[in-house]
Amino acid sequence: MKRGKKAEDAAADGENDTSPASAKKTKKAKEPEAPILYEDPPDKMTSKDGREANMKITSWNVDGLRAWVKKNGLDWVREESPDVLCLQETKCAEKSLPAEITSMPEYPYKYWAASNEKEGYSGVAMLCKTEPLNVTYGIGKEEHDKEGRVITAEFPNFYLVTSYVPNSGRGLVRLDYRKTWDADFRAYLSELDIQKPLVLCGDLNVAHQEIDLKNPKGNKKNAGFTPDEREGFSQLLESGFIDSFRELYPEQTNAYTFWTYMMNSRSKNVGWRLDYFVLSSSLLPGLCDSKIRNKALGSDHCPISLHIAV
């Protein structure tokens, strides 16, 4: 999720208020409170039905693959060592991919999707330690697929879908398109789910509930927290899917995956939870943990990881 739209966050906090009254208040103001950070708890490796996790998937919006590689993102990936690594907003045509990632021996099976029309826009990737049975690109609709936003891999017991969901944009210029996307993408996922359960991961560009962003009141008319986008995500869950993090941590506050680069938002933890692992409800018994790796740097998003028994 890009753009400087989170300036409203600061406004909601009163950071941009320069009125005389504000100046008077400032003289008497107390020291600002220390930010409340989210502490990622120890990984849980056993599912509700007692099975050990046998699949680890990591998802990360890297905000430009080439810059992320230069910021040593791959060092973190090697330490995390997921079975599958999904990346969003790669902003990189296949011909321009850095050798550091194309030659990674840990992931011999690599799949890339990029925008057909705009160089350096959108794009997703999936890197696998074991070869999927089948891999497809897009959701079967050209108006969506030309932007390189979806890769689907079929594994023996489930589908894995990674997606960079369209941003509604500053001024909500793409909100109507986003509503079309949400309906079409939900239909695509529901069709897959009939054949085999699925895991959806990626930057879904929506904070679902008020608990999922720092400043809900100031952002109700901003991309990522409009009633339409939130309702679109609710409809996805009502179609037989679960938000794995909220399933396990229903009351957890201050757990975010995106912070704008402006106004020291990350150090203050003024963020949004935009990145998700969404599961078919039939996979819930095998869910072990859904992690927010908020200490990992290299992008304006942090990575998330899923432990599951499949």
Protein backbone atom coordinates (compact mmCIF):
# COMPACT_ATOMS: atom_id res chain seq x y z
CA MET A 1 0.00 0.00 0.00
CA LYS A 2 1.67 3.18 -1.16
CA ARG A 3 1.09 6.90 -1.25
CA GLY A 4 1.30 9.58 1.37
CA LYS A 5 -2.27 9.07 2.42
CA LYS A 6 -1.27 8.46 5.99
CA ALA A 7 -0.72 12.17 6.44
CA GLU A 8 -4.25 11.96 7.78
CA ASP A 9 -2.90 9.69 10.51
CA ALA A 10 -0.75 12.50 11.74
CA ALA A 11 -3.62 14.95 11.47
CA ALA A 12 -5.75 12.59 13.50
CA ASP A 13 -3.03 12.65 16.13
CA GLY A 14 -2.96 16.44 16.06
CA GLU A 15 0.58 16.51 14.67
CA ASN A 16 -0.27 18.95 11.90
CA ASP A 17 -2.28 21.37 14.04
CA THR A 18 -0.31 24.64 14.07
CA SER A 19 -3.06 26.97 15.29
CA PRO A 20 -2.26 29.46 18.09
CA ALA A 21 -4.49 27.50 20.45
CA SER A 22 -2.46 24.44 19.63
CA ALA A 23 0.77 26.30 20.36
CA LYS A 24 -0.55 27.33 23.79
CA LYS A 25 -1.53 23.78 24.53
CA THR A 26 1.89 22.56 23.50
CA LYS A 27 3.62 24.58 26.22
CA LYS A 28 1.69 22.75 28.91
CA ALA A 29 1.63 19.40 27.14
CA LYS A 30 3.09 16.39 28.83
CA GLU A 31 5.88 14.45 27.27
CA PRO A 32 4.52 12.26 24.46
CA GLU A 33 3.73 8.76 25.58
CA ALA A 34 6.07 6.01 24.50
CA PRO A 35 4.70 4.13 21.50
CA ILE A 36 3.00 0.81 22.16
CA LEU A 37 4.84 -1.76 20.09
CA TYR A 38 3.68 -5.23 19.14
CA GLU A 39 5.77 -8.09 20.44
CA ASP A 40 5.57 -11.11 18.17
CA PRO A 41 5.11 -14.02 20.61
CA PRO A 42 6.99 -17.34 20.35
CA ASP A 43 5.91 -19.44 17.38
CA LYS A 44 3.27 -22.06 18.08
CA MET A 45 4.06 -25.19 16.10
CA THR A 46 1.11 -27.43 17.03
CA SER A 47 -2.41 -27.15 15.62
CA LYS A 48 -5.69 -27.28 17.52
CA ASP A 49 -6.08 -30.93 16.58
CA GLY A 50 -2.59 -31.81 17.80
CA ARG A 51 -0.69 -31.98 14.52
CA GLU A 52 2.80 -30.55 14.08
CA ALA A 53 3.22 -27.79 11.51
CA ASN A 54 4.67 -29.18 8.29
CA MET A 55 4.41 -26.08 6.07
CA LYS A 56 5.77 -22.59 6.62
CA ILE A 57 4.78 -19.81 4.23
CA THR A 58 6.11 -16.25 4.33
CA SER A 59 4.57 -13.24 2.58
CA TRP A 60 6.19 -9.82 2.20
CA ASN A 61 5.30 -6.67 0.28
CA VAL A 62 8.86 -5.62 -0.57
CA ASP A 63 8.03 -2.20 -2.10
CA GLY A 64 10.44 -2.76 -4.98
CA LEU A 65 12.37 -6.02 -5.26
CA ARG A 66 15.66 -4.53 -6.41
CA ALA A 67 15.82 -2.01 -3.56
CA TRP A 68 14.76 -4.69 -1.07
CA VAL A 69 17.56 -7.01 -2.19
CA LYS A 70 20.05 -4.17 -1.71
CA LYS A 71 18.67 -3.70 1.82
CA ASN A 72 19.61 -7.34 2.56
CA GLY A 73 16.07 -8.67 2.53
CA LEU A 74 17.34 -12.05 1.39
CA ASP A 75 19.44 -12.42 4.54
CA TRP A 76 16.24 -12.31 6.59
CA VAL A 77 14.56 -14.79 4.22
CA ARG A 78 17.41 -17.28 4.66
CA GLU A 79 17.13 -16.98 8.42
CA GLU A 80 13.33 -17.37 8.39
CA SER A 81 13.65 -20.21 5.85
CA PRO A 82 10.02 -20.66 4.78
CA ASP A 83 9.00 -23.52 2.49
CA VAL A 84 7.39 -20.94 0.21
CA LEU A 85 8.18 -17.23 -0.05
CA CYS A 86 5.56 -14.94 -1.59
CA LEU A 87 6.45 -11.37 -2.53
CA GLN A 88 4.25 -8.46 -3.58
CA GLU A 89 4.87 -5.10 -5.20
CA THR A 90 8.06 -6.36 -6.80
CA LYS A 91 7.99 -3.51 -9.36
CA CYS A 92 10.35 -5.48 -11.55
CA ALA A 93 10.07 -7.12 -14.97
CA GLU A 94 11.47 -10.64 -15.16
CA LYS A 95 14.32 -9.50 -17.39
CA SER A 96 15.42 -7.04 -14.68
CA LEU A 97 15.40 -9.40 -11.70
CA PRO A 98 18.56 -9.26 -9.58
CA ALA A 99 20.83 -12.28 -9.83
CA GLU A 100 20.93 -12.53 -6.03
CA ILE A 101 17.35 -13.81 -6.08
CA THR A 102 17.15 -15.60 -9.42
CA SER A 103 20.14 -17.76 -8.45
CA MET A 104 18.98 -18.64 -4.92
CA PRO A 105 19.66 -22.38 -4.55
CA GLU A 106 17.31 -22.63 -1.55
CA TYR A 107 14.35 -21.97 -3.85
CA PRO A 108 14.81 -23.86 -7.12
CA TYR A 109 11.21 -23.20 -8.24
CA LYS A 110 10.55 -19.52 -8.86
CA TYR A 111 7.53 -17.84 -10.44
CA TRP A 112 7.09 -14.20 -11.41
CA ALA A 113 4.21 -12.01 -12.55
CA ALA A 114 4.61 -8.38 -13.60
CA SER A 115 2.50 -5.62 -15.11
CA ASN A 116 2.22 -5.94 -18.88
CA GLU A 117 1.75 -2.23 -19.44
CA LYS A 118 3.65 -0.35 -16.73
CA GLU A 119 7.30 -1.05 -16.02
CA GLY A 120 8.07 -0.83 -12.31
CA TYR A 121 4.44 -1.25 -11.21
CA SER A 122 2.74 -3.92 -9.13
CA GLY A 123 4.09 -7.46 -9.56
CA VAL A 124 4.16 -10.61 -7.42
CA ALA A 125 6.48 -13.57 -7.02
CA MET A 126 6.45 -17.04 -5.48
CA LEU A 127 9.60 -19.00 -4.57
CA CYS A 128 9.22 -22.63 -3.57
CA LYS A 129 11.54 -25.26 -2.09
CA THR A 130 9.46 -28.07 -3.61
CA GLU A 131 7.85 -27.98 -7.03
CA PRO A 132 4.11 -27.27 -7.11
CA LEU A 133 1.87 -29.57 -9.13
CA ASN A 134 0.75 -26.62 -11.24
CA VAL A 135 1.15 -22.83 -11.35
CA THR A 136 -1.18 -20.28 -12.95
CA TYR A 137 -1.12 -16.51 -13.30
CA GLY A 138 -4.00 -14.09 -12.82
CA ILE A 139 -7.66 -14.90 -12.23
CA GLY A 140 -8.84 -15.31 -15.82
CA LYS A 141 -9.96 -11.73 -16.43
CA GLU A 142 -7.76 -9.56 -18.62
CA GLU A 143 -8.74 -6.26 -16.98
CA HIS A 144 -7.18 -7.56 -13.76
CA ASP A 145 -4.51 -9.91 -15.05
CA LYS A 146 -2.61 -7.33 -17.10
CA GLU A 147 -1.35 -5.78 -13.86
CA GLY A 148 0.45 -8.91 -12.62
CA ARG A 149 -1.26 -9.25 -9.26
CA VAL A 150 -1.91 -12.97 -8.66
CA ILE A 151 0.01 -16.25 -8.74
CA THR A 152 -1.69 -19.53 -7.78
CA ALA A 153 0.27 -22.71 -7.03
CA GLU A 154 -1.38 -26.09 -6.57
CA PHE A 155 0.14 -28.38 -3.95
CA PRO A 156 -1.08 -31.91 -3.11
CA ASN A 157 -3.41 -30.83 -0.29
CA PHE A 158 -4.15 -27.16 -0.99
CA TYR A 159 -3.84 -24.20 -3.31
CA LEU A 160 -1.60 -21.27 -2.40
CA VAL A 161 -2.63 -17.91 -3.85
CA THR A 162 -0.52 -14.80 -3.44
CA SER A 163 -1.97 -11.43 -4.38
CA TYR A 164 -1.21 -7.73 -4.41
CA VAL A 165 -4.73 -6.34 -4.27
CA PRO A 166 -5.30 -3.04 -6.14
CA ASN A 167 -5.08 0.10 -4.09
CA SER A 168 -8.09 2.39 -4.29
CA GLY A 169 -5.70 5.30 -4.63
CA ARG A 170 -5.44 8.82 -3.36
CA GLY A 171 -8.82 10.44 -3.63
CA LEU A 172 -10.31 6.94 -4.09
CA VAL A 173 -9.85 7.26 -7.85
CA ARG A 174 -9.83 3.46 -8.24
CA LEU A 175 -12.46 2.55 -5.67
CA ASP A 176 -15.01 1.52 -8.30
CA TYR A 177 -12.40 -0.68 -9.96
CA ARG A 178 -11.44 -2.09 -6.57
CA LYS A 179 -15.05 -3.10 -5.88
CA THR A 180 -15.12 -4.95 -9.23
CA TRP A 181 -11.81 -6.63 -8.34
CA ASP A 182 -13.09 -7.70 -4.92
CA ALA A 183 -16.16 -9.38 -6.43
CA ASP A 184 -14.20 -11.09 -9.22
CA PHE A 185 -11.39 -12.20 -6.91
CA ARG A 186 -13.87 -13.60 -4.39
CA ALA A 187 -15.53 -15.60 -7.16
CA TYR A 188 -12.13 -16.91 -8.29
CA LEU A 189 -11.20 -18.01 -4.77
CA SER A 190 -14.59 -19.62 -4.17
CA GLU A 191 -14.20 -21.68 -7.34
CA LEU A 192 -10.77 -22.87 -6.25
CA ASP A 193 -12.11 -23.70 -2.80
CA ILE A 194 -14.62 -26.11 -4.32
CA GLN A 195 -11.74 -28.13 -5.77
CA LYS A 196 -9.27 -27.97 -2.91
CA PRO A 197 -8.84 -25.76 0.19
CA LEU A 198 -6.64 -22.71 -0.20
CA VAL A 199 -4.32 -20.33 1.55
CA LEU A 200 -4.44 -16.73 0.34
CA CYS A 201 -1.57 -14.47 1.33
CA GLY A 202 -0.39 -11.01 0.43
CA ASP A 203 -1.02 -7.31 0.69
CA LEU A 204 -4.82 -7.21 0.55
CA ASN A 205 -4.86 -3.42 0.91
CA VAL A 206 -7.57 -3.27 3.55
CA ALA A 207 -7.60 -2.85 7.31
CA HIS A 208 -10.68 -4.90 8.10
CA GLN A 209 -11.73 -3.58 11.50
CA GLU A 210 -10.90 -0.54 13.64
CA ILE A 211 -8.50 -2.70 15.65
CA ASP A 212 -6.46 -3.17 12.46
CA LEU A 213 -5.11 0.39 12.22
CA LYS A 214 -3.86 3.01 14.63
CA ASN A 215 -6.18 5.85 13.62
CA PRO A 216 -9.51 4.50 12.37
CA LYS A 217 -11.48 7.70 12.91
CA GLY A 218 -9.24 9.78 10.66
CA ASN A 219 -9.15 7.25 7.84
CA LYS A 220 -12.75 6.27 7.14
CA LYS A 221 -12.67 8.07 3.79
CA ASN A 222 -9.16 6.95 2.85
CA ALA A 223 -8.04 4.06 0.68
CA GLY A 224 -7.72 0.88 2.68
CA PHE A 225 -10.40 1.69 5.26
CA THR A 226 -13.48 2.74 3.30
CA PRO A 227 -16.76 0.99 4.14
CA ASP A 228 -16.75 -0.56 0.63
CA GLU A 229 -13.31 -2.13 1.03
CA ARG A 230 -14.02 -3.37 4.52
CA GLU A 231 -17.33 -4.85 3.36
CA GLY A 232 -15.53 -6.55 0.48
CA PHE A 233 -13.26 -8.31 2.96
CA SER A 234 -16.21 -9.20 5.19
CA GLN A 235 -17.92 -10.80 2.19
CA LEU A 236 -14.79 -12.85 1.50
CA LEU A 237 -14.80 -14.20 5.04
CA GLU A 238 -18.53 -14.90 4.81
CA SER A 239 -17.81 -17.01 1.72
CA GLY A 240 -16.09 -19.62 3.87
CA PHE A 241 -12.66 -18.17 4.67
CA ILE A 242 -10.93 -17.07 7.87
CA ASP A 243 -8.47 -14.32 8.78
CA SER A 244 -5.84 -16.51 10.44
CA PHE A 245 -4.31 -13.80 12.62
CA ARG A 246 -7.64 -12.64 14.05
CA GLU A 247 -8.71 -16.25 14.50
CA LEU A 248 -5.77 -16.76 16.86
CA TYR A 249 -5.45 -13.24 18.29
CA PRO A 250 -8.96 -11.74 18.24
CA GLU A 251 -8.26 -8.92 20.71
CA GLN A 252 -4.64 -8.13 19.84
CA THR A 253 -4.12 -4.40 19.35
CA ASN A 254 -1.18 -2.51 17.83
CA ALA A 255 -0.38 -5.40 15.48
CA TYR A 256 0.36 -3.80 12.12
CA THR A 257 2.19 -4.77 8.93
CA PHE A 258 2.47 -1.41 7.13
CA TRP A 259 3.76 2.01 8.19
CA THR A 260 4.14 4.99 5.88
CA TYR A 261 7.70 6.26 5.57
CA MET A 262 6.52 9.70 6.65
CA MET A 263 6.54 11.16 10.18
CA ASN A 264 8.49 8.33 11.80
CA SER A 265 5.34 6.26 11.65
CA ARG A 266 7.11 2.95 12.13
CA SER A 267 9.05 3.99 15.23
CA LYS A 268 5.76 5.32 16.67
CA ASN A 269 3.90 2.21 15.49
CA VAL A 270 1.30 4.30 13.67
CA GLY A 271 0.41 1.53 11.26
CA TRP A 272 -2.11 -0.59 9.43
CA ARG A 273 -2.59 -4.37 9.21
CA LEU A 274 -2.87 -4.85 5.45
CA ASP A 275 -1.09 -8.19 4.99
CA TYR A 276 -2.94 -11.42 5.66
CA PHE A 277 -3.05 -15.17 5.57
CA VAL A 278 -6.66 -16.03 4.73
CA LEU A 279 -7.53 -19.75 4.88
CA SER A 280 -10.35 -21.92 3.71
CA SER A 281 -12.35 -22.78 6.82
CA SER A 282 -11.59 -26.47 6.28
CA LEU A 283 -7.88 -25.73 6.95
CA LEU A 284 -8.62 -24.19 10.36
CA PRO A 285 -7.99 -27.43 12.33
CA GLY A 286 -4.42 -27.46 11.00
CA LEU A 287 -3.67 -23.79 11.74
CA CYS A 288 -0.72 -23.53 14.13
CA ASP A 289 0.30 -19.86 14.09
CA SER A 290 0.05 -16.64 12.09
CA LYS A 291 3.03 -14.38 12.67
CA ILE A 292 3.74 -10.67 12.18
CA ARG A 293 7.52 -10.28 11.88
CA ASN A 294 7.48 -6.57 12.66
CA LYS A 295 11.18 -6.30 13.47
CA ALA A 296 12.22 -7.22 9.92
CA LEU A 297 13.22 -4.10 7.96
CA GLY A 298 13.71 -3.42 4.26
CA SER A 299 10.26 -2.21 3.17
CA ASP A 300 7.37 -0.10 4.43
CA HIS A 301 5.67 -3.43 5.11
CA CYS A 302 6.99 -6.18 7.36
CA PRO A 303 6.81 -9.87 6.49
CA ILE A 304 4.22 -12.27 7.87
CA SER A 305 4.59 -16.04 8.27
CA LEU A 306 2.14 -18.91 8.58
CA HIS A 307 2.71 -22.24 10.33
CA ILE A 308 0.19 -24.86 9.26
CA ALA A 309 -0.31 -28.63 9.24
CA VAL A 310 -1.63 -29.68 5.83
